[in-house]
Amino acid sequence: MNTEDKLDHPIITPYVIPTVLGSLWAILSHPQSWIDAVGAAVALGGDVDTLGAIVGAVMGAKLGFQSIPKSLRSTVQRRDEIEELARGLSALFREH
């Protein structure tokens, strides 16, 4: 498939809208708790891995990597590099 053929296919599928809406709901429902926001997203069911990833990433960026439970952070490969990137992203959120 060449590049032009790829552009003929829709980028937004019917699954994108409920996933984004569910993510926003969880984030807005639990704006100060990473674990509560991610838990609420996963409890919605459906595409839980994508919901959890979106909500976890946004909440981690918003609240800082320290808001993610240490038990989850400690097993991540290349954790130091990721934490450094997370600190920088979190600082950007706080500046604006």
PDB file of N, CA and C in Angstrom:
ATOM      1  N   MET A   1       0.849  -1.175   0.000  1.00  0.00           N
ATOM      2  CA  MET A   1       0.000   0.000   0.000  1.00  0.00           C
ATOM      3  C   MET A   1       0.893   1.235   0.000  1.00  0.00           C
ATOM      4  N   ASN A   2       0.703   2.122  -0.951  1.00  0.00           N
ATOM      5  CA  ASN A   2       1.502   3.338  -0.985  1.00  0.00           C
ATOM      6  C   ASN A   2       0.874   4.413  -0.100  1.00  0.00           C
ATOM      7  N   THR A   3       1.570   5.517   0.036  1.00  0.00           N
ATOM      8  CA  THR A   3       1.140   6.597   0.929  1.00  0.00           C
ATOM      9  C   THR A   3      -0.216   7.156   0.528  1.00  0.00           C
ATOM     10  N   GLU A   4      -0.450   7.325  -0.753  1.00  0.00           N
ATOM     11  CA  GLU A   4      -1.727   7.877  -1.205  1.00  0.00           C
ATOM     12  C   GLU A   4      -2.883   6.966  -0.822  1.00  0.00           C
ATOM     13  N   ASP A   5      -2.695   5.648  -0.932  1.00  0.00           N
ATOM     14  CA  ASP A   5      -3.747   4.708  -0.549  1.00  0.00           C
ATOM     15  C   ASP A   5      -4.046   4.799   0.941  1.00  0.00           C
ATOM     16  N   LYS A   6      -3.037   4.992   1.751  1.00  0.00           N
ATOM     17  CA  LYS A   6      -3.235   5.093   3.196  1.00  0.00           C
ATOM     18  C   LYS A   6      -4.093   6.297   3.553  1.00  0.00           C
ATOM     19  N   LEU A   7      -3.970   7.375   2.815  1.00  0.00           N
ATOM     20  CA  LEU A   7      -4.737   8.578   3.102  1.00  0.00           C
ATOM     21  C   LEU A   7      -6.205   8.440   2.703  1.00  0.00           C
ATOM     22  N   ASP A   8      -6.520   7.429   1.889  1.00  0.00           N
ATOM     23  CA  ASP A   8      -7.903   7.191   1.494  1.00  0.00           C
ATOM     24  C   ASP A   8      -8.711   6.538   2.609  1.00  0.00           C
ATOM     25  N   HIS A   9      -8.038   5.958   3.594  1.00  0.00           N
ATOM     26  CA  HIS A   9      -8.715   5.282   4.697  1.00  0.00           C
ATOM     27  C   HIS A   9      -8.920   6.263   5.846  1.00  0.00           C
ATOM     28  N   PRO A  10     -10.067   6.168   6.516  1.00  0.00           N
ATOM     29  CA  PRO A  10     -10.309   7.105   7.634  1.00  0.00           C
ATOM     30  C   PRO A  10      -9.316   6.887   8.769  1.00  0.00           C
ATOM     31  N   ILE A  11      -8.847   7.979   9.331  1.00  0.00           N
ATOM     32  CA  ILE A  11      -7.927   7.909  10.455  1.00  0.00           C
ATOM     33  C   ILE A  11      -8.708   7.746  11.755  1.00  0.00           C
ATOM     34  N   ILE A  12      -9.832   8.419  11.850  1.00  0.00           N
ATOM     35  CA  ILE A  12     -10.670   8.327  13.050  1.00  0.00           C
ATOM     36  C   ILE A  12     -11.711   7.243  12.822  1.00  0.00           C
ATOM     37  N   THR A  13     -11.660   6.232  13.660  1.00  0.00           N
ATOM     38  CA  THR A  13     -12.604   5.122  13.563  1.00  0.00           C
ATOM     39  C   THR A  13     -13.711   5.329  14.585  1.00  0.00           C
ATOM     40  N   PRO A  14     -14.762   4.537  14.521  1.00  0.00           N
ATOM     41  CA  PRO A  14     -15.832   4.656  15.518  1.00  0.00           C
ATOM     42  C   PRO A  14     -15.349   4.409  16.953  1.00  0.00           C
ATOM     43  N   TYR A  15     -14.193   3.774  17.115  1.00  0.00           N
ATOM     44  CA  TYR A  15     -13.680   3.475  18.455  1.00  0.00           C
ATOM     45  C   TYR A  15     -12.971   4.668  19.091  1.00  0.00           C
ATOM     46  N   VAL A  16     -12.513   5.591  18.297  1.00  0.00           N
ATOM     47  CA  VAL A  16     -11.745   6.713  18.815  1.00  0.00           C
ATOM     48  C   VAL A  16     -12.611   7.619  19.690  1.00  0.00           C
ATOM     49  N   ILE A  17     -13.790   7.940  19.234  1.00  0.00           N
ATOM     50  CA  ILE A  17     -14.633   8.896  19.954  1.00  0.00           C
ATOM     51  C   ILE A  17     -14.985   8.412  21.361  1.00  0.00           C
ATOM     52  N   PRO A  18     -15.508   7.195  21.542  1.00  0.00           N
ATOM     53  CA  PRO A  18     -15.807   6.777  22.915  1.00  0.00           C
ATOM     54  C   PRO A  18     -14.559   6.628  23.779  1.00  0.00           C
ATOM     55  N   THR A  19     -13.444   6.263  23.187  1.00  0.00           N
ATOM     56  CA  THR A  19     -12.210   6.135  23.960  1.00  0.00           C
ATOM     57  C   THR A  19     -11.745   7.495  24.455  1.00  0.00           C
ATOM     58  N   VAL A  20     -11.763   8.488  23.605  1.00  0.00           N
ATOM     59  CA  VAL A  20     -11.359   9.836  24.010  1.00  0.00           C
ATOM     60  C   VAL A  20     -12.350  10.402  25.022  1.00  0.00           C
ATOM     61  N   LEU A  21     -13.632  10.224  24.782  1.00  0.00           N
ATOM     62  CA  LEU A  21     -14.639  10.729  25.727  1.00  0.00           C
ATOM     63  C   LEU A  21     -14.512  10.045  27.085  1.00  0.00           C
ATOM     64  N   GLY A  22     -14.291   8.743  27.090  1.00  0.00           N
ATOM     65  CA  GLY A  22     -14.099   8.028  28.351  1.00  0.00           C
ATOM     66  C   GLY A  22     -12.858   8.499  29.077  1.00  0.00           C
ATOM     67  N   SER A  23     -11.800   8.756  28.340  1.00  0.00           N
ATOM     68  CA  SER A  23     -10.565   9.259  28.936  1.00  0.00           C
ATOM     69  C   SER A  23     -10.786  10.627  29.566  1.00  0.00           C
ATOM     70  N   LEU A  24     -11.434  11.506  28.831  1.00  0.00           N
ATOM     71  CA  LEU A  24     -11.714  12.848  29.363  1.00  0.00           C
ATOM     72  C   LEU A  24     -12.597  12.782  30.601  1.00  0.00           C
ATOM     73  N   TRP A  25     -13.603  11.915  30.576  1.00  0.00           N
ATOM     74  CA  TRP A  25     -14.477  11.766  31.738  1.00  0.00           C
ATOM     75  C   TRP A  25     -13.673  11.347  32.972  1.00  0.00           C
ATOM     76  N   ALA A  26     -12.807  10.359  32.826  1.00  0.00           N
ATOM     77  CA  ALA A  26     -12.020   9.870  33.961  1.00  0.00           C
ATOM     78  C   ALA A  26     -11.084  10.959  34.484  1.00  0.00           C
ATOM     79  N   ILE A  27     -10.447  11.680  33.582  1.00  0.00           N
ATOM     80  CA  ILE A  27      -9.516  12.749  33.966  1.00  0.00           C
ATOM     81  C   ILE A  27     -10.257  13.875  34.690  1.00  0.00           C
ATOM     82  N   LEU A  28     -11.393  14.279  34.150  1.00  0.00           N
ATOM     83  CA  LEU A  28     -12.151  15.374  34.762  1.00  0.00           C
ATOM     84  C   LEU A  28     -12.849  14.952  36.054  1.00  0.00           C
ATOM     85  N   SER A  29     -13.160  13.673  36.172  1.00  0.00           N
ATOM     86  CA  SER A  29     -13.816  13.166  37.383  1.00  0.00           C
ATOM     87  C   SER A  29     -12.845  13.021  38.554  1.00  0.00           C
ATOM     88  N   HIS A  30     -11.576  12.826  38.250  1.00  0.00           N
ATOM     89  CA  HIS A  30     -10.563  12.591  39.287  1.00  0.00           C
ATOM     90  C   HIS A  30      -9.311  13.416  38.979  1.00  0.00           C
ATOM     91  N   PRO A  31      -9.430  14.734  38.989  1.00  0.00           N
ATOM     92  CA  PRO A  31      -8.325  15.586  38.529  1.00  0.00           C
ATOM     93  C   PRO A  31      -7.090  15.599  39.437  1.00  0.00           C
ATOM     94  N   GLN A  32      -7.207  15.109  40.651  1.00  0.00           N
ATOM     95  CA  GLN A  32      -6.069  15.169  41.573  1.00  0.00           C
ATOM     96  C   GLN A  32      -5.529  13.801  41.963  1.00  0.00           C
ATOM     97  N   SER A  33      -5.994  12.732  41.306  1.00  0.00           N
ATOM     98  CA  SER A  33      -5.549  11.392  41.695  1.00  0.00           C
ATOM     99  C   SER A  33      -5.290  10.530  40.472  1.00  0.00           C
ATOM    100  N   TRP A  34      -4.023  10.192  40.255  1.00  0.00           N
ATOM    101  CA  TRP A  34      -3.646   9.328  39.137  1.00  0.00           C
ATOM    102  C   TRP A  34      -4.349   7.982  39.250  1.00  0.00           C
ATOM    103  N   ILE A  35      -4.259   7.362  40.413  1.00  0.00           N
ATOM    104  CA  ILE A  35      -4.801   6.010  40.587  1.00  0.00           C
ATOM    105  C   ILE A  35      -6.322   5.996  40.444  1.00  0.00           C
ATOM    106  N   ASP A  36      -7.003   7.018  40.959  1.00  0.00           N
ATOM    107  CA  ASP A  36      -8.466   7.066  40.834  1.00  0.00           C
ATOM    108  C   ASP A  36      -8.895   7.309  39.389  1.00  0.00           C
ATOM    109  N   ALA A  37      -8.176   8.165  38.689  1.00  0.00           N
ATOM    110  CA  ALA A  37      -8.514   8.451  37.290  1.00  0.00           C
ATOM    111  C   ALA A  37      -8.302   7.217  36.419  1.00  0.00           C
ATOM    112  N   VAL A  38      -7.160   6.565  36.582  1.00  0.00           N
ATOM    113  CA  VAL A  38      -6.879   5.364  35.786  1.00  0.00           C
ATOM    114  C   VAL A  38      -7.856   4.252  36.160  1.00  0.00           C
ATOM    115  N   GLY A  39      -8.122   4.099  37.446  1.00  0.00           N
ATOM    116  CA  GLY A  39      -9.078   3.083  37.885  1.00  0.00           C
ATOM    117  C   GLY A  39     -10.465   3.312  37.314  1.00  0.00           C
ATOM    118  N   ALA A  40     -10.901   4.563  37.304  1.00  0.00           N
ATOM    119  CA  ALA A  40     -12.219   4.896  36.748  1.00  0.00           C
ATOM    120  C   ALA A  40     -12.259   4.603  35.251  1.00  0.00           C
ATOM    121  N   ALA A  41     -11.189   4.909  34.557  1.00  0.00           N
ATOM    122  CA  ALA A  41     -11.135   4.655  33.117  1.00  0.00           C
ATOM    123  C   ALA A  41     -11.216   3.164  32.820  1.00  0.00           C
ATOM    124  N   VAL A  42     -10.437   2.391  33.522  1.00  0.00           N
ATOM    125  CA  VAL A  42     -10.416   0.941  33.299  1.00  0.00           C
ATOM    126  C   VAL A  42     -11.761   0.318  33.674  1.00  0.00           C
ATOM    127  N   ALA A  43     -12.405   0.852  34.704  1.00  0.00           N
ATOM    128  CA  ALA A  43     -13.706   0.322  35.134  1.00  0.00           C
ATOM    129  C   ALA A  43     -14.804   0.546  34.087  1.00  0.00           C
ATOM    130  N   LEU A  44     -14.569   1.468  33.141  1.00  0.00           N
ATOM    131  CA  LEU A  44     -15.551   1.701  32.089  1.00  0.00           C
ATOM    132  C   LEU A  44     -15.688   0.494  31.169  1.00  0.00           C
ATOM    133  N   GLY A  45     -14.635  -0.319  31.099  1.00  0.00           N
ATOM    134  CA  GLY A  45     -14.656  -1.463  30.203  1.00  0.00           C
ATOM    135  C   GLY A  45     -14.304  -1.054  28.789  1.00  0.00           C
ATOM    136  N   GLY A  46     -14.493  -1.955  27.879  1.00  0.00           N
ATOM    137  CA  GLY A  46     -14.169  -1.666  26.482  1.00  0.00           C
ATOM    138  C   GLY A  46     -12.675  -1.747  26.235  1.00  0.00           C
ATOM    139  N   ASP A  47     -12.146  -0.765  25.577  1.00  0.00           N
ATOM    140  CA  ASP A  47     -10.731  -0.731  25.184  1.00  0.00           C
ATOM    141  C   ASP A  47      -9.883  -0.255  26.370  1.00  0.00           C
ATOM    142  N   VAL A  48      -9.835  -1.066  27.427  1.00  0.00           N
ATOM    143  CA  VAL A  48      -9.247  -0.626  28.686  1.00  0.00           C
ATOM    144  C   VAL A  48      -7.749  -0.368  28.607  1.00  0.00           C
ATOM    145  N   ASP A  49      -7.024  -1.067  27.750  1.00  0.00           N
ATOM    146  CA  ASP A  49      -5.582  -0.810  27.673  1.00  0.00           C
ATOM    147  C   ASP A  49      -5.316   0.572  27.087  1.00  0.00           C
ATOM    148  N   THR A  50      -6.087   0.962  26.078  1.00  0.00           N
ATOM    149  CA  THR A  50      -5.927   2.289  25.500  1.00  0.00           C
ATOM    150  C   THR A  50      -6.416   3.363  26.466  1.00  0.00           C
ATOM    151  N   LEU A  51      -7.565   3.133  27.103  1.00  0.00           N
ATOM    152  CA  LEU A  51      -8.082   4.087  28.087  1.00  0.00           C
ATOM    153  C   LEU A  51      -7.069   4.299  29.203  1.00  0.00           C
ATOM    154  N   GLY A  52      -6.556   3.209  29.747  1.00  0.00           N
ATOM    155  CA  GLY A  52      -5.580   3.308  30.828  1.00  0.00           C
ATOM    156  C   GLY A  52      -4.319   4.028  30.401  1.00  0.00           C
ATOM    157  N   ALA A  53      -3.864   3.765  29.182  1.00  0.00           N
ATOM    158  CA  ALA A  53      -2.648   4.416  28.688  1.00  0.00           C
ATOM    159  C   ALA A  53      -2.859   5.914  28.507  1.00  0.00           C
ATOM    160  N   ILE A  54      -3.985   6.300  27.930  1.00  0.00           N
ATOM    161  CA  ILE A  54      -4.257   7.725  27.711  1.00  0.00           C
ATOM    162  C   ILE A  54      -4.386   8.450  29.042  1.00  0.00           C
ATOM    163  N   VAL A  55      -5.223   7.919  29.932  1.00  0.00           N
ATOM    164  CA  VAL A  55      -5.464   8.575  31.210  1.00  0.00           C
ATOM    165  C   VAL A  55      -4.194   8.581  32.056  1.00  0.00           C
ATOM    166  N   GLY A  56      -3.484   7.467  32.079  1.00  0.00           N
ATOM    167  CA  GLY A  56      -2.239   7.399  32.852  1.00  0.00           C
ATOM    168  C   GLY A  56      -1.211   8.399  32.365  1.00  0.00           C
ATOM    169  N   ALA A  57      -1.089   8.536  31.062  1.00  0.00           N
ATOM    170  CA  ALA A  57      -0.115   9.477  30.512  1.00  0.00           C
ATOM    171  C   ALA A  57      -0.492  10.922  30.815  1.00  0.00           C
ATOM    172  N   VAL A  58      -1.751  11.267  30.599  1.00  0.00           N
ATOM    173  CA  VAL A  58      -2.182  12.646  30.846  1.00  0.00           C
ATOM    174  C   VAL A  58      -2.081  12.990  32.329  1.00  0.00           C
ATOM    175  N   MET A  59      -2.551  12.089  33.176  1.00  0.00           N
ATOM    176  CA  MET A  59      -2.505  12.357  34.617  1.00  0.00           C
ATOM    177  C   MET A  59      -1.067  12.394  35.129  1.00  0.00           C
ATOM    178  N   GLY A  60      -0.216  11.536  34.608  1.00  0.00           N
ATOM    179  CA  GLY A  60       1.193  11.567  35.000  1.00  0.00           C
ATOM    180  C   GLY A  60       1.849  12.876  34.595  1.00  0.00           C
ATOM    181  N   ALA A  61       1.500  13.349  33.398  1.00  0.00           N
ATOM    182  CA  ALA A  61       2.047  14.626  32.943  1.00  0.00           C
ATOM    183  C   ALA A  61       1.492  15.779  33.783  1.00  0.00           C
ATOM    184  N   LYS A  62       0.229  15.698  34.118  1.00  0.00           N
ATOM    185  CA  LYS A  62      -0.427  16.769  34.877  1.00  0.00           C
ATOM    186  C   LYS A  62       0.067  16.820  36.323  1.00  0.00           C
ATOM    187  N   LEU A  63       0.130  15.664  36.969  1.00  0.00           N
ATOM    188  CA  LEU A  63       0.438  15.615  38.403  1.00  0.00           C
ATOM    189  C   LEU A  63       1.898  15.311  38.712  1.00  0.00           C
ATOM    190  N   GLY A  64       2.649  14.910  37.708  1.00  0.00           N
ATOM    191  CA  GLY A  64       4.040  14.541  37.920  1.00  0.00           C
ATOM    192  C   GLY A  64       4.197  13.036  38.058  1.00  0.00           C
ATOM    193  N   PHE A  65       5.350  12.536  37.694  1.00  0.00           N
ATOM    194  CA  PHE A  65       5.568  11.091  37.701  1.00  0.00           C
ATOM    195  C   PHE A  65       5.450  10.501  39.104  1.00  0.00           C
ATOM    196  N   GLN A  66       5.676  11.310  40.133  1.00  0.00           N
ATOM    197  CA  GLN A  66       5.574  10.804  41.500  1.00  0.00           C
ATOM    198  C   GLN A  66       4.132  10.458  41.860  1.00  0.00           C
ATOM    199  N   SER A  67       3.157  10.905  41.072  1.00  0.00           N
ATOM    200  CA  SER A  67       1.759  10.572  41.337  1.00  0.00           C
ATOM    201  C   SER A  67       1.428   9.137  40.930  1.00  0.00           C
ATOM    202  N   ILE A  68       2.281   8.547  40.098  1.00  0.00           N
ATOM    203  CA  ILE A  68       2.095   7.158  39.684  1.00  0.00           C
ATOM    204  C   ILE A  68       2.625   6.274  40.807  1.00  0.00           C
ATOM    205  N   PRO A  69       1.862   5.289  41.238  1.00  0.00           N
ATOM    206  CA  PRO A  69       2.317   4.444  42.340  1.00  0.00           C
ATOM    207  C   PRO A  69       3.715   3.866  42.081  1.00  0.00           C
ATOM    208  N   LYS A  70       4.551   3.928  43.105  1.00  0.00           N
ATOM    209  CA  LYS A  70       5.936   3.481  42.988  1.00  0.00           C
ATOM    210  C   LYS A  70       6.011   2.017  42.551  1.00  0.00           C
ATOM    211  N   SER A  71       5.070   1.206  43.008  1.00  0.00           N
ATOM    212  CA  SER A  71       5.079  -0.209  42.631  1.00  0.00           C
ATOM    213  C   SER A  71       4.938  -0.391  41.123  1.00  0.00           C
ATOM    214  N   LEU A  72       4.271   0.534  40.456  1.00  0.00           N
ATOM    215  CA  LEU A  72       4.142   0.472  39.001  1.00  0.00           C
ATOM    216  C   LEU A  72       5.364   1.053  38.303  1.00  0.00           C
ATOM    217  N   ARG A  73       5.907   2.119  38.859  1.00  0.00           N
ATOM    218  CA  ARG A  73       7.082   2.769  38.251  1.00  0.00           C
ATOM    219  C   ARG A  73       8.331   1.917  38.353  1.00  0.00           C
ATOM    220  N   SER A  74       8.458   1.144  39.406  1.00  0.00           N
ATOM    221  CA  SER A  74       9.722   0.457  39.696  1.00  0.00           C
ATOM    222  C   SER A  74      10.069  -0.645  38.705  1.00  0.00           C
ATOM    223  N   THR A  75       9.112  -1.171  37.967  1.00  0.00           N
ATOM    224  CA  THR A  75       9.387  -2.279  37.054  1.00  0.00           C
ATOM    225  C   THR A  75       9.520  -1.853  35.595  1.00  0.00           C
ATOM    226  N   VAL A  76       9.430  -0.570  35.314  1.00  0.00           N
ATOM    227  CA  VAL A  76       9.491  -0.072  33.942  1.00  0.00           C
ATOM    228  C   VAL A  76      10.932  -0.081  33.434  1.00  0.00           C
ATOM    229  N   GLN A  77      11.121  -0.646  32.257  1.00  0.00           N
ATOM    230  CA  GLN A  77      12.448  -0.631  31.648  1.00  0.00           C
ATOM    231  C   GLN A  77      12.796   0.792  31.233  1.00  0.00           C
ATOM    232  N   ARG A  78      14.071   1.154  31.363  1.00  0.00           N
ATOM    233  CA  ARG A  78      14.588   2.489  31.022  1.00  0.00           C
ATOM    234  C   ARG A  78      13.865   3.571  31.830  1.00  0.00           C
ATOM    235  N   ARG A  79      13.527   3.206  33.067  1.00  0.00           N
ATOM    236  CA  ARG A  79      12.768   4.079  33.950  1.00  0.00           C
ATOM    237  C   ARG A  79      13.414   5.446  34.132  1.00  0.00           C
ATOM    238  N   ASP A  80      14.729   5.487  34.314  1.00  0.00           N
ATOM    239  CA  ASP A  80      15.391   6.773  34.545  1.00  0.00           C
ATOM    240  C   ASP A  80      15.189   7.738  33.388  1.00  0.00           C
ATOM    241  N   GLU A  81      15.310   7.236  32.171  1.00  0.00           N
ATOM    242  CA  GLU A  81      15.120   8.087  30.996  1.00  0.00           C
ATOM    243  C   GLU A  81      13.676   8.577  30.897  1.00  0.00           C
ATOM    244  N   ILE A  82      12.742   7.675  31.167  1.00  0.00           N
ATOM    245  CA  ILE A  82      11.323   8.032  31.085  1.00  0.00           C
ATOM    246  C   ILE A  82      10.966   9.030  32.173  1.00  0.00           C
ATOM    247  N   GLU A  83      11.502   8.831  33.377  1.00  0.00           N
ATOM    248  CA  GLU A  83      11.217   9.770  34.463  1.00  0.00           C
ATOM    249  C   GLU A  83      11.764  11.156  34.157  1.00  0.00           C
ATOM    250  N   GLU A  84      12.918  11.208  33.523  1.00  0.00           N
ATOM    251  CA  GLU A  84      13.476  12.510  33.144  1.00  0.00           C
ATOM    252  C   GLU A  84      12.570  13.211  32.136  1.00  0.00           C
ATOM    253  N   LEU A  85      12.079  12.480  31.158  1.00  0.00           N
ATOM    254  CA  LEU A  85      11.151  13.052  30.187  1.00  0.00           C
ATOM    255  C   LEU A  85       9.849  13.477  30.871  1.00  0.00           C
ATOM    256  N   ALA A  86       9.374  12.665  31.811  1.00  0.00           N
ATOM    257  CA  ALA A  86       8.138  12.994  32.530  1.00  0.00           C
ATOM    258  C   ALA A  86       8.298  14.265  33.347  1.00  0.00           C
ATOM    259  N   ARG A  87       9.453  14.425  33.986  1.00  0.00           N
ATOM    260  CA  ARG A  87       9.691  15.656  34.757  1.00  0.00           C
ATOM    261  C   ARG A  87       9.625  16.887  33.855  1.00  0.00           C
ATOM    262  N   GLY A  88      10.235  16.788  32.690  1.00  0.00           N
ATOM    263  CA  GLY A  88      10.219  17.913  31.749  1.00  0.00           C
ATOM    264  C   GLY A  88       8.823  18.226  31.260  1.00  0.00           C
ATOM    265  N   LEU A  89       8.050  17.204  30.958  1.00  0.00           N
ATOM    266  CA  LEU A  89       6.681  17.419  30.493  1.00  0.00           C
ATOM    267  C   LEU A  89       5.819  18.001  31.606  1.00  0.00           C
ATOM    268  N   SER A  90       5.991  17.490  32.803  1.00  0.00           N
ATOM    269  CA  SER A  90       5.231  18.011  33.945  1.00  0.00           C
ATOM    270  C   SER A  90       5.561  19.478  34.189  1.00  0.00           C
ATOM    271  N   ALA A  91       6.825  19.846  34.042  1.00  0.00           N
ATOM    272  CA  ALA A  91       7.232  21.243  34.220  1.00  0.00           C
ATOM    273  C   ALA A  91       6.554  22.142  33.189  1.00  0.00           C
ATOM    274  N   LEU A  92       6.393  21.637  31.964  1.00  0.00           N
ATOM    275  CA  LEU A  92       5.697  22.410  30.933  1.00  0.00           C
ATOM    276  C   LEU A  92       4.252  22.668  31.317  1.00  0.00           C
ATOM    277  N   PHE A  93       3.589  21.646  31.867  1.00  0.00           N
ATOM    278  CA  PHE A  93       2.200  21.806  32.300  1.00  0.00           C
ATOM    279  C   PHE A  93       2.095  22.854  33.398  1.00  0.00           C
ATOM    280  N   ARG A  94       3.026  22.846  34.329  1.00  0.00           N
ATOM    281  CA  ARG A  94       2.977  23.790  35.441  1.00  0.00           C
ATOM    282  C   ARG A  94       3.247  25.214  34.994  1.00  0.00           C
ATOM    283  N   GLU A  95       4.031  25.383  33.931  1.00  0.00           N
ATOM    284  CA  GLU A  95       4.347  26.724  33.420  1.00  0.00           C
ATOM    285  C   GLU A  95       3.154  27.368  32.751  1.00  0.00           C
ATOM    286  N   HIS A  96       2.233  26.563  32.243  1.00  0.00           N
ATOM    287  CA  HIS A  96       1.103  27.118  31.482  1.00  0.00           C
ATOM    288  C   HIS A  96      -0.146  26.898  32.213  1.00  0.00           C
TER     289      HIS A  96
END
